[in-house]
Amino acid sequence: MYDLEGVLGPSVMSFVDKHVRSLLTWDILVFFHRNPDAVLDIEGLASRLGRRVEELEPEIDALADGRILALAGGLIRYKPSPEMREIVSAFVDSCQDRGRRLALIALVLHKINPHVGA
């Protein structure tokens, strides 16, 4: 079996396990990491990501529950703790490297459908 933890590191593995529910969550995290001062309503975020509002709602709620995003007055903003910001940064950095990106995709897809490849 491919050594995902060796490739990604334990903090990124744990972060993905806890917070990255889907490839859409991944897109949201990368967007806010790259645009940390963005304050958008869900329609604006849906437009930026090319997604439907209905797809985004559960992902945004989960990231807010995980204290990565903040929701107030219908607006979404990136509001992780300094420690969480470092882990999100490590996750996004991992996305830049082909080998680690493939490992991340495998990890997220396995979370979505754990019976594939088992």
N, C-alpha and C. Protein backbone atom coordinates (compact mmCIF):
# COMPACT_ATOMS: atom_id res chain seq x y z
N MET A 1 0.85 -1.20 0.00
CA MET A 1 0.00 0.00 0.00
C MET A 1 0.88 1.24 0.00
N TYR A 2 0.43 2.24 -0.69
CA TYR A 2 1.12 3.52 -0.80
C TYR A 2 1.18 4.17 0.57
N ASP A 3 2.34 4.69 0.96
CA ASP A 3 2.53 5.30 2.28
C ASP A 3 2.08 6.76 2.24
N LEU A 4 0.78 6.98 2.38
CA LEU A 4 0.24 8.34 2.29
C LEU A 4 0.79 9.23 3.39
N GLU A 5 0.88 8.71 4.61
CA GLU A 5 1.36 9.54 5.71
C GLU A 5 2.81 9.94 5.49
N GLY A 6 3.61 9.02 4.92
CA GLY A 6 5.01 9.35 4.63
C GLY A 6 5.12 10.43 3.58
N VAL A 7 4.20 10.44 2.63
CA VAL A 7 4.21 11.42 1.55
C VAL A 7 3.64 12.77 2.02
N LEU A 8 2.55 12.72 2.77
CA LEU A 8 1.83 13.94 3.14
C LEU A 8 2.22 14.50 4.51
N GLY A 9 2.63 13.65 5.41
CA GLY A 9 2.91 14.07 6.78
C GLY A 9 1.68 13.93 7.65
N PRO A 10 1.89 13.67 8.95
CA PRO A 10 0.76 13.40 9.85
C PRO A 10 -0.21 14.57 10.03
N SER A 11 0.29 15.82 10.01
CA SER A 11 -0.63 16.94 10.24
C SER A 11 -1.57 17.12 9.05
N VAL A 12 -1.06 16.97 7.83
CA VAL A 12 -1.92 17.09 6.65
C VAL A 12 -2.89 15.92 6.60
N MET A 13 -2.41 14.72 6.90
CA MET A 13 -3.30 13.53 6.92
C MET A 13 -4.45 13.75 7.91
N SER A 14 -4.12 14.20 9.09
CA SER A 14 -5.14 14.43 10.12
C SER A 14 -6.10 15.52 9.68
N PHE A 15 -5.59 16.60 9.09
CA PHE A 15 -6.43 17.68 8.60
C PHE A 15 -7.41 17.18 7.55
N VAL A 16 -6.92 16.42 6.58
CA VAL A 16 -7.78 15.88 5.52
C VAL A 16 -8.84 14.98 6.14
N ASP A 17 -8.42 14.13 7.06
CA ASP A 17 -9.34 13.21 7.70
C ASP A 17 -10.47 13.95 8.42
N LYS A 18 -10.13 15.05 9.08
CA LYS A 18 -11.11 15.80 9.86
C LYS A 18 -11.95 16.78 9.05
N HIS A 19 -11.33 17.43 8.07
CA HIS A 19 -11.98 18.60 7.46
C HIS A 19 -12.27 18.52 5.96
N VAL A 20 -11.58 17.68 5.22
CA VAL A 20 -11.76 17.67 3.76
C VAL A 20 -12.73 16.56 3.40
N ARG A 21 -14.00 16.93 3.33
CA ARG A 21 -15.08 15.95 3.09
C ARG A 21 -15.20 15.56 1.64
N SER A 22 -14.70 16.41 0.73
CA SER A 22 -14.91 16.19 -0.70
C SER A 22 -13.92 17.04 -1.49
N LEU A 23 -13.93 16.83 -2.79
CA LEU A 23 -13.10 17.67 -3.64
C LEU A 23 -13.61 19.11 -3.67
N LEU A 24 -14.90 19.30 -3.41
CA LEU A 24 -15.46 20.65 -3.31
C LEU A 24 -14.91 21.36 -2.07
N THR A 25 -14.83 20.65 -0.95
CA THR A 25 -14.23 21.24 0.26
C THR A 25 -12.81 21.68 -0.06
N TRP A 26 -12.10 20.85 -0.78
CA TRP A 26 -10.72 21.15 -1.20
C TRP A 26 -10.71 22.48 -1.96
N ASP A 27 -11.61 22.63 -2.94
CA ASP A 27 -11.68 23.86 -3.74
C ASP A 27 -11.95 25.09 -2.86
N ILE A 28 -12.85 24.93 -1.90
CA ILE A 28 -13.20 26.04 -1.00
C ILE A 28 -11.98 26.43 -0.17
N LEU A 29 -11.28 25.44 0.37
CA LEU A 29 -10.09 25.72 1.18
C LEU A 29 -9.01 26.43 0.37
N VAL A 30 -8.76 25.95 -0.83
CA VAL A 30 -7.74 26.58 -1.67
C VAL A 30 -8.15 28.01 -2.01
N PHE A 31 -9.43 28.21 -2.34
CA PHE A 31 -9.90 29.56 -2.67
C PHE A 31 -9.65 30.52 -1.51
N PHE A 32 -10.08 30.13 -0.29
CA PHE A 32 -9.94 31.05 0.84
C PHE A 32 -8.49 31.20 1.27
N HIS A 33 -7.69 30.16 1.13
CA HIS A 33 -6.27 30.29 1.45
C HIS A 33 -5.61 31.31 0.51
N ARG A 34 -5.98 31.27 -0.76
CA ARG A 34 -5.39 32.18 -1.75
C ARG A 34 -6.01 33.57 -1.71
N ASN A 35 -7.20 33.67 -1.12
CA ASN A 35 -7.92 34.95 -1.00
C ASN A 35 -8.35 35.14 0.46
N PRO A 36 -7.39 35.26 1.37
CA PRO A 36 -7.72 35.24 2.80
C PRO A 36 -8.58 36.41 3.27
N ASP A 37 -8.61 37.50 2.52
CA ASP A 37 -9.42 38.65 2.92
C ASP A 37 -10.79 38.68 2.26
N ALA A 38 -11.10 37.64 1.47
CA ALA A 38 -12.40 37.59 0.78
C ALA A 38 -13.54 37.47 1.79
N VAL A 39 -14.58 38.23 1.57
CA VAL A 39 -15.81 38.14 2.35
C VAL A 39 -16.93 38.06 1.31
N LEU A 40 -17.57 36.90 1.23
CA LEU A 40 -18.56 36.66 0.19
C LEU A 40 -19.83 36.08 0.77
N ASP A 41 -20.95 36.32 0.08
CA ASP A 41 -22.13 35.53 0.41
C ASP A 41 -22.02 34.22 -0.38
N ILE A 42 -22.90 33.29 -0.08
CA ILE A 42 -22.77 31.97 -0.69
C ILE A 42 -22.96 32.02 -2.20
N GLU A 43 -23.81 32.93 -2.67
CA GLU A 43 -24.00 33.07 -4.12
C GLU A 43 -22.72 33.55 -4.79
N GLY A 44 -22.02 34.49 -4.16
CA GLY A 44 -20.76 35.00 -4.70
C GLY A 44 -19.70 33.90 -4.74
N LEU A 45 -19.64 33.10 -3.67
CA LEU A 45 -18.67 32.01 -3.64
C LEU A 45 -19.02 30.96 -4.70
N ALA A 46 -20.30 30.65 -4.82
CA ALA A 46 -20.74 29.69 -5.84
C ALA A 46 -20.33 30.16 -7.23
N SER A 47 -20.50 31.44 -7.49
CA SER A 47 -20.14 32.01 -8.78
C SER A 47 -18.63 31.92 -9.01
N ARG A 48 -17.85 32.25 -8.00
CA ARG A 48 -16.38 32.19 -8.12
C ARG A 48 -15.89 30.78 -8.37
N LEU A 49 -16.54 29.79 -7.75
CA LEU A 49 -16.10 28.39 -7.87
C LEU A 49 -16.78 27.64 -9.01
N GLY A 50 -17.78 28.29 -9.64
CA GLY A 50 -18.51 27.62 -10.71
C GLY A 50 -19.35 26.46 -10.20
N ARG A 51 -19.92 26.64 -9.01
CA ARG A 51 -20.74 25.60 -8.38
C ARG A 51 -22.12 26.14 -8.04
N ARG A 52 -23.00 25.21 -7.67
CA ARG A 52 -24.34 25.59 -7.24
C ARG A 52 -24.36 25.83 -5.73
N VAL A 53 -25.19 26.77 -5.31
CA VAL A 53 -25.33 27.10 -3.89
C VAL A 53 -25.65 25.84 -3.08
N GLU A 54 -26.55 24.99 -3.61
CA GLU A 54 -26.97 23.79 -2.86
C GLU A 54 -25.78 22.85 -2.60
N GLU A 55 -24.82 22.83 -3.52
CA GLU A 55 -23.63 22.00 -3.33
C GLU A 55 -22.74 22.57 -2.23
N LEU A 56 -22.65 23.88 -2.17
CA LEU A 56 -21.75 24.54 -1.24
C LEU A 56 -22.24 24.52 0.21
N GLU A 57 -23.54 24.62 0.41
CA GLU A 57 -24.06 24.81 1.76
C GLU A 57 -23.53 23.80 2.79
N PRO A 58 -23.62 22.47 2.52
CA PRO A 58 -23.13 21.55 3.56
C PRO A 58 -21.62 21.65 3.78
N GLU A 59 -20.87 21.96 2.73
CA GLU A 59 -19.41 22.08 2.87
C GLU A 59 -19.04 23.32 3.69
N ILE A 60 -19.72 24.43 3.41
CA ILE A 60 -19.48 25.67 4.15
C ILE A 60 -19.84 25.46 5.63
N ASP A 61 -20.98 24.82 5.88
CA ASP A 61 -21.39 24.56 7.26
C ASP A 61 -20.36 23.70 7.99
N ALA A 62 -19.85 22.67 7.32
CA ALA A 62 -18.85 21.80 7.95
C ALA A 62 -17.56 22.56 8.23
N LEU A 63 -17.13 23.40 7.31
CA LEU A 63 -15.91 24.19 7.54
C LEU A 63 -16.11 25.23 8.63
N ALA A 64 -17.33 25.74 8.75
CA ALA A 64 -17.63 26.67 9.85
C ALA A 64 -17.63 25.91 11.18
N ASP A 65 -18.21 24.71 11.19
CA ASP A 65 -18.19 23.88 12.40
C ASP A 65 -16.75 23.56 12.80
N GLY A 66 -15.88 23.38 11.81
CA GLY A 66 -14.47 23.10 12.06
C GLY A 66 -13.65 24.34 12.38
N ARG A 67 -14.32 25.48 12.46
CA ARG A 67 -13.69 26.76 12.81
C ARG A 67 -12.62 27.21 11.81
N ILE A 68 -12.87 26.88 10.54
CA ILE A 68 -11.98 27.33 9.48
C ILE A 68 -12.60 28.54 8.78
N LEU A 69 -13.91 28.47 8.58
CA LEU A 69 -14.66 29.60 8.02
C LEU A 69 -15.57 30.16 9.10
N ALA A 70 -15.89 31.42 8.96
CA ALA A 70 -16.84 32.07 9.86
C ALA A 70 -18.03 32.52 9.03
N LEU A 71 -19.22 32.31 9.57
CA LEU A 71 -20.47 32.74 8.94
C LEU A 71 -21.11 33.79 9.83
N ALA A 72 -21.42 34.94 9.25
CA ALA A 72 -22.10 35.99 10.01
C ALA A 72 -22.87 36.87 9.04
N GLY A 73 -24.15 37.04 9.32
CA GLY A 73 -24.97 37.92 8.49
C GLY A 73 -25.03 37.50 7.04
N GLY A 74 -24.95 36.20 6.79
CA GLY A 74 -25.01 35.69 5.42
C GLY A 74 -23.68 35.79 4.67
N LEU A 75 -22.63 36.22 5.37
CA LEU A 75 -21.32 36.36 4.74
C LEU A 75 -20.36 35.28 5.24
N ILE A 76 -19.49 34.86 4.35
CA ILE A 76 -18.51 33.82 4.65
C ILE A 76 -17.13 34.46 4.61
N ARG A 77 -16.35 34.18 5.63
CA ARG A 77 -14.97 34.66 5.64
C ARG A 77 -14.05 33.57 6.17
N TYR A 78 -12.79 33.66 5.80
CA TYR A 78 -11.74 32.73 6.23
C TYR A 78 -11.27 33.17 7.60
N LYS A 79 -11.45 32.32 8.61
CA LYS A 79 -11.16 32.76 9.97
C LYS A 79 -10.55 31.62 10.80
N PRO A 80 -9.52 30.94 10.30
CA PRO A 80 -8.92 29.88 11.10
C PRO A 80 -8.01 30.45 12.19
N SER A 81 -7.76 29.65 13.21
CA SER A 81 -6.77 30.03 14.22
C SER A 81 -5.40 30.06 13.53
N PRO A 82 -4.42 30.68 14.15
CA PRO A 82 -3.08 30.68 13.54
C PRO A 82 -2.55 29.25 13.29
N GLU A 83 -2.80 28.34 14.20
CA GLU A 83 -2.35 26.95 14.02
C GLU A 83 -3.07 26.30 12.84
N MET A 84 -4.38 26.51 12.75
CA MET A 84 -5.15 25.94 11.66
C MET A 84 -4.72 26.56 10.33
N ARG A 85 -4.42 27.84 10.34
CA ARG A 85 -3.98 28.52 9.12
C ARG A 85 -2.68 27.87 8.60
N GLU A 86 -1.79 27.50 9.52
CA GLU A 86 -0.54 26.83 9.13
C GLU A 86 -0.83 25.47 8.50
N ILE A 87 -1.78 24.73 9.06
CA ILE A 87 -2.11 23.41 8.53
C ILE A 87 -2.78 23.54 7.16
N VAL A 88 -3.69 24.51 7.01
CA VAL A 88 -4.32 24.75 5.70
C VAL A 88 -3.23 25.11 4.70
N SER A 89 -2.28 25.92 5.10
CA SER A 89 -1.18 26.29 4.23
C SER A 89 -0.38 25.06 3.81
N ALA A 90 -0.11 24.16 4.74
CA ALA A 90 0.61 22.92 4.41
C ALA A 90 -0.20 22.07 3.44
N PHE A 91 -1.53 22.03 3.65
CA PHE A 91 -2.42 21.29 2.75
C PHE A 91 -2.35 21.88 1.34
N VAL A 92 -2.49 23.20 1.24
CA VAL A 92 -2.46 23.85 -0.07
C VAL A 92 -1.08 23.68 -0.72
N ASP A 93 -0.02 23.78 0.07
CA ASP A 93 1.33 23.54 -0.47
C ASP A 93 1.44 22.13 -1.02
N SER A 94 0.84 21.16 -0.33
CA SER A 94 0.86 19.77 -0.79
C SER A 94 0.16 19.64 -2.13
N CYS A 95 -0.85 20.46 -2.37
CA CYS A 95 -1.59 20.42 -3.63
C CYS A 95 -0.71 20.85 -4.81
N GLN A 96 0.36 21.58 -4.54
CA GLN A 96 1.23 22.10 -5.61
C GLN A 96 2.19 21.05 -6.15
N ASP A 97 2.49 20.05 -5.33
CA ASP A 97 3.43 19.00 -5.72
C ASP A 97 2.66 17.83 -6.32
N ARG A 98 3.03 17.39 -7.51
CA ARG A 98 2.26 16.36 -8.22
C ARG A 98 2.09 15.08 -7.40
N GLY A 99 3.17 14.58 -6.84
CA GLY A 99 3.09 13.33 -6.07
C GLY A 99 2.19 13.46 -4.85
N ARG A 100 2.35 14.56 -4.13
CA ARG A 100 1.50 14.77 -2.95
C ARG A 100 0.06 15.07 -3.34
N ARG A 101 -0.14 15.78 -4.46
CA ARG A 101 -1.50 16.04 -4.93
C ARG A 101 -2.22 14.74 -5.25
N LEU A 102 -1.52 13.83 -5.93
CA LEU A 102 -2.12 12.53 -6.25
C LEU A 102 -2.45 11.76 -4.97
N ALA A 103 -1.57 11.83 -3.98
CA ALA A 103 -1.83 11.17 -2.70
C ALA A 103 -3.06 11.78 -2.03
N LEU A 104 -3.18 13.11 -2.08
CA LEU A 104 -4.35 13.79 -1.50
C LEU A 104 -5.63 13.38 -2.22
N ILE A 105 -5.58 13.35 -3.54
CA ILE A 105 -6.77 12.95 -4.30
C ILE A 105 -7.18 11.53 -3.91
N ALA A 106 -6.21 10.62 -3.83
CA ALA A 106 -6.51 9.24 -3.43
C ALA A 106 -7.14 9.20 -2.04
N LEU A 107 -6.61 9.99 -1.13
CA LEU A 107 -7.12 10.02 0.24
C LEU A 107 -8.56 10.53 0.28
N VAL A 108 -8.83 11.64 -0.41
CA VAL A 108 -10.17 12.22 -0.41
C VAL A 108 -11.16 11.30 -1.12
N LEU A 109 -10.76 10.73 -2.25
CA LEU A 109 -11.67 9.82 -2.95
C LEU A 109 -11.97 8.58 -2.11
N HIS A 110 -11.00 8.11 -1.37
CA HIS A 110 -11.23 6.96 -0.49
C HIS A 110 -12.23 7.32 0.62
N LYS A 111 -12.16 8.57 1.11
CA LYS A 111 -13.13 9.02 2.12
C LYS A 111 -14.54 9.03 1.54
N ILE A 112 -14.66 9.48 0.27
CA ILE A 112 -15.97 9.59 -0.36
C ILE A 112 -16.54 8.20 -0.62
N ASN A 113 -15.70 7.29 -1.09
CA ASN A 113 -16.15 5.93 -1.41
C ASN A 113 -15.11 4.93 -0.91
N PRO A 114 -15.20 4.53 0.36
CA PRO A 114 -14.16 3.69 0.96
C PRO A 114 -14.07 2.28 0.37
N HIS A 115 -15.03 1.87 -0.43
CA HIS A 115 -15.00 0.50 -0.96
C HIS A 115 -14.25 0.38 -2.27
N VAL A 116 -13.94 1.51 -2.90
CA VAL A 116 -13.19 1.48 -4.16
C VAL A 116 -11.73 1.19 -3.84
N GLY A 117 -11.17 0.23 -4.54
CA GLY A 117 -9.78 -0.12 -4.36
C GLY A 117 -9.49 -0.92 -3.11
N ALA A 118 -10.53 -1.31 -2.38
CA ALA A 118 -10.31 -2.06 -1.14
C ALA A 118 -10.16 -3.54 -1.43
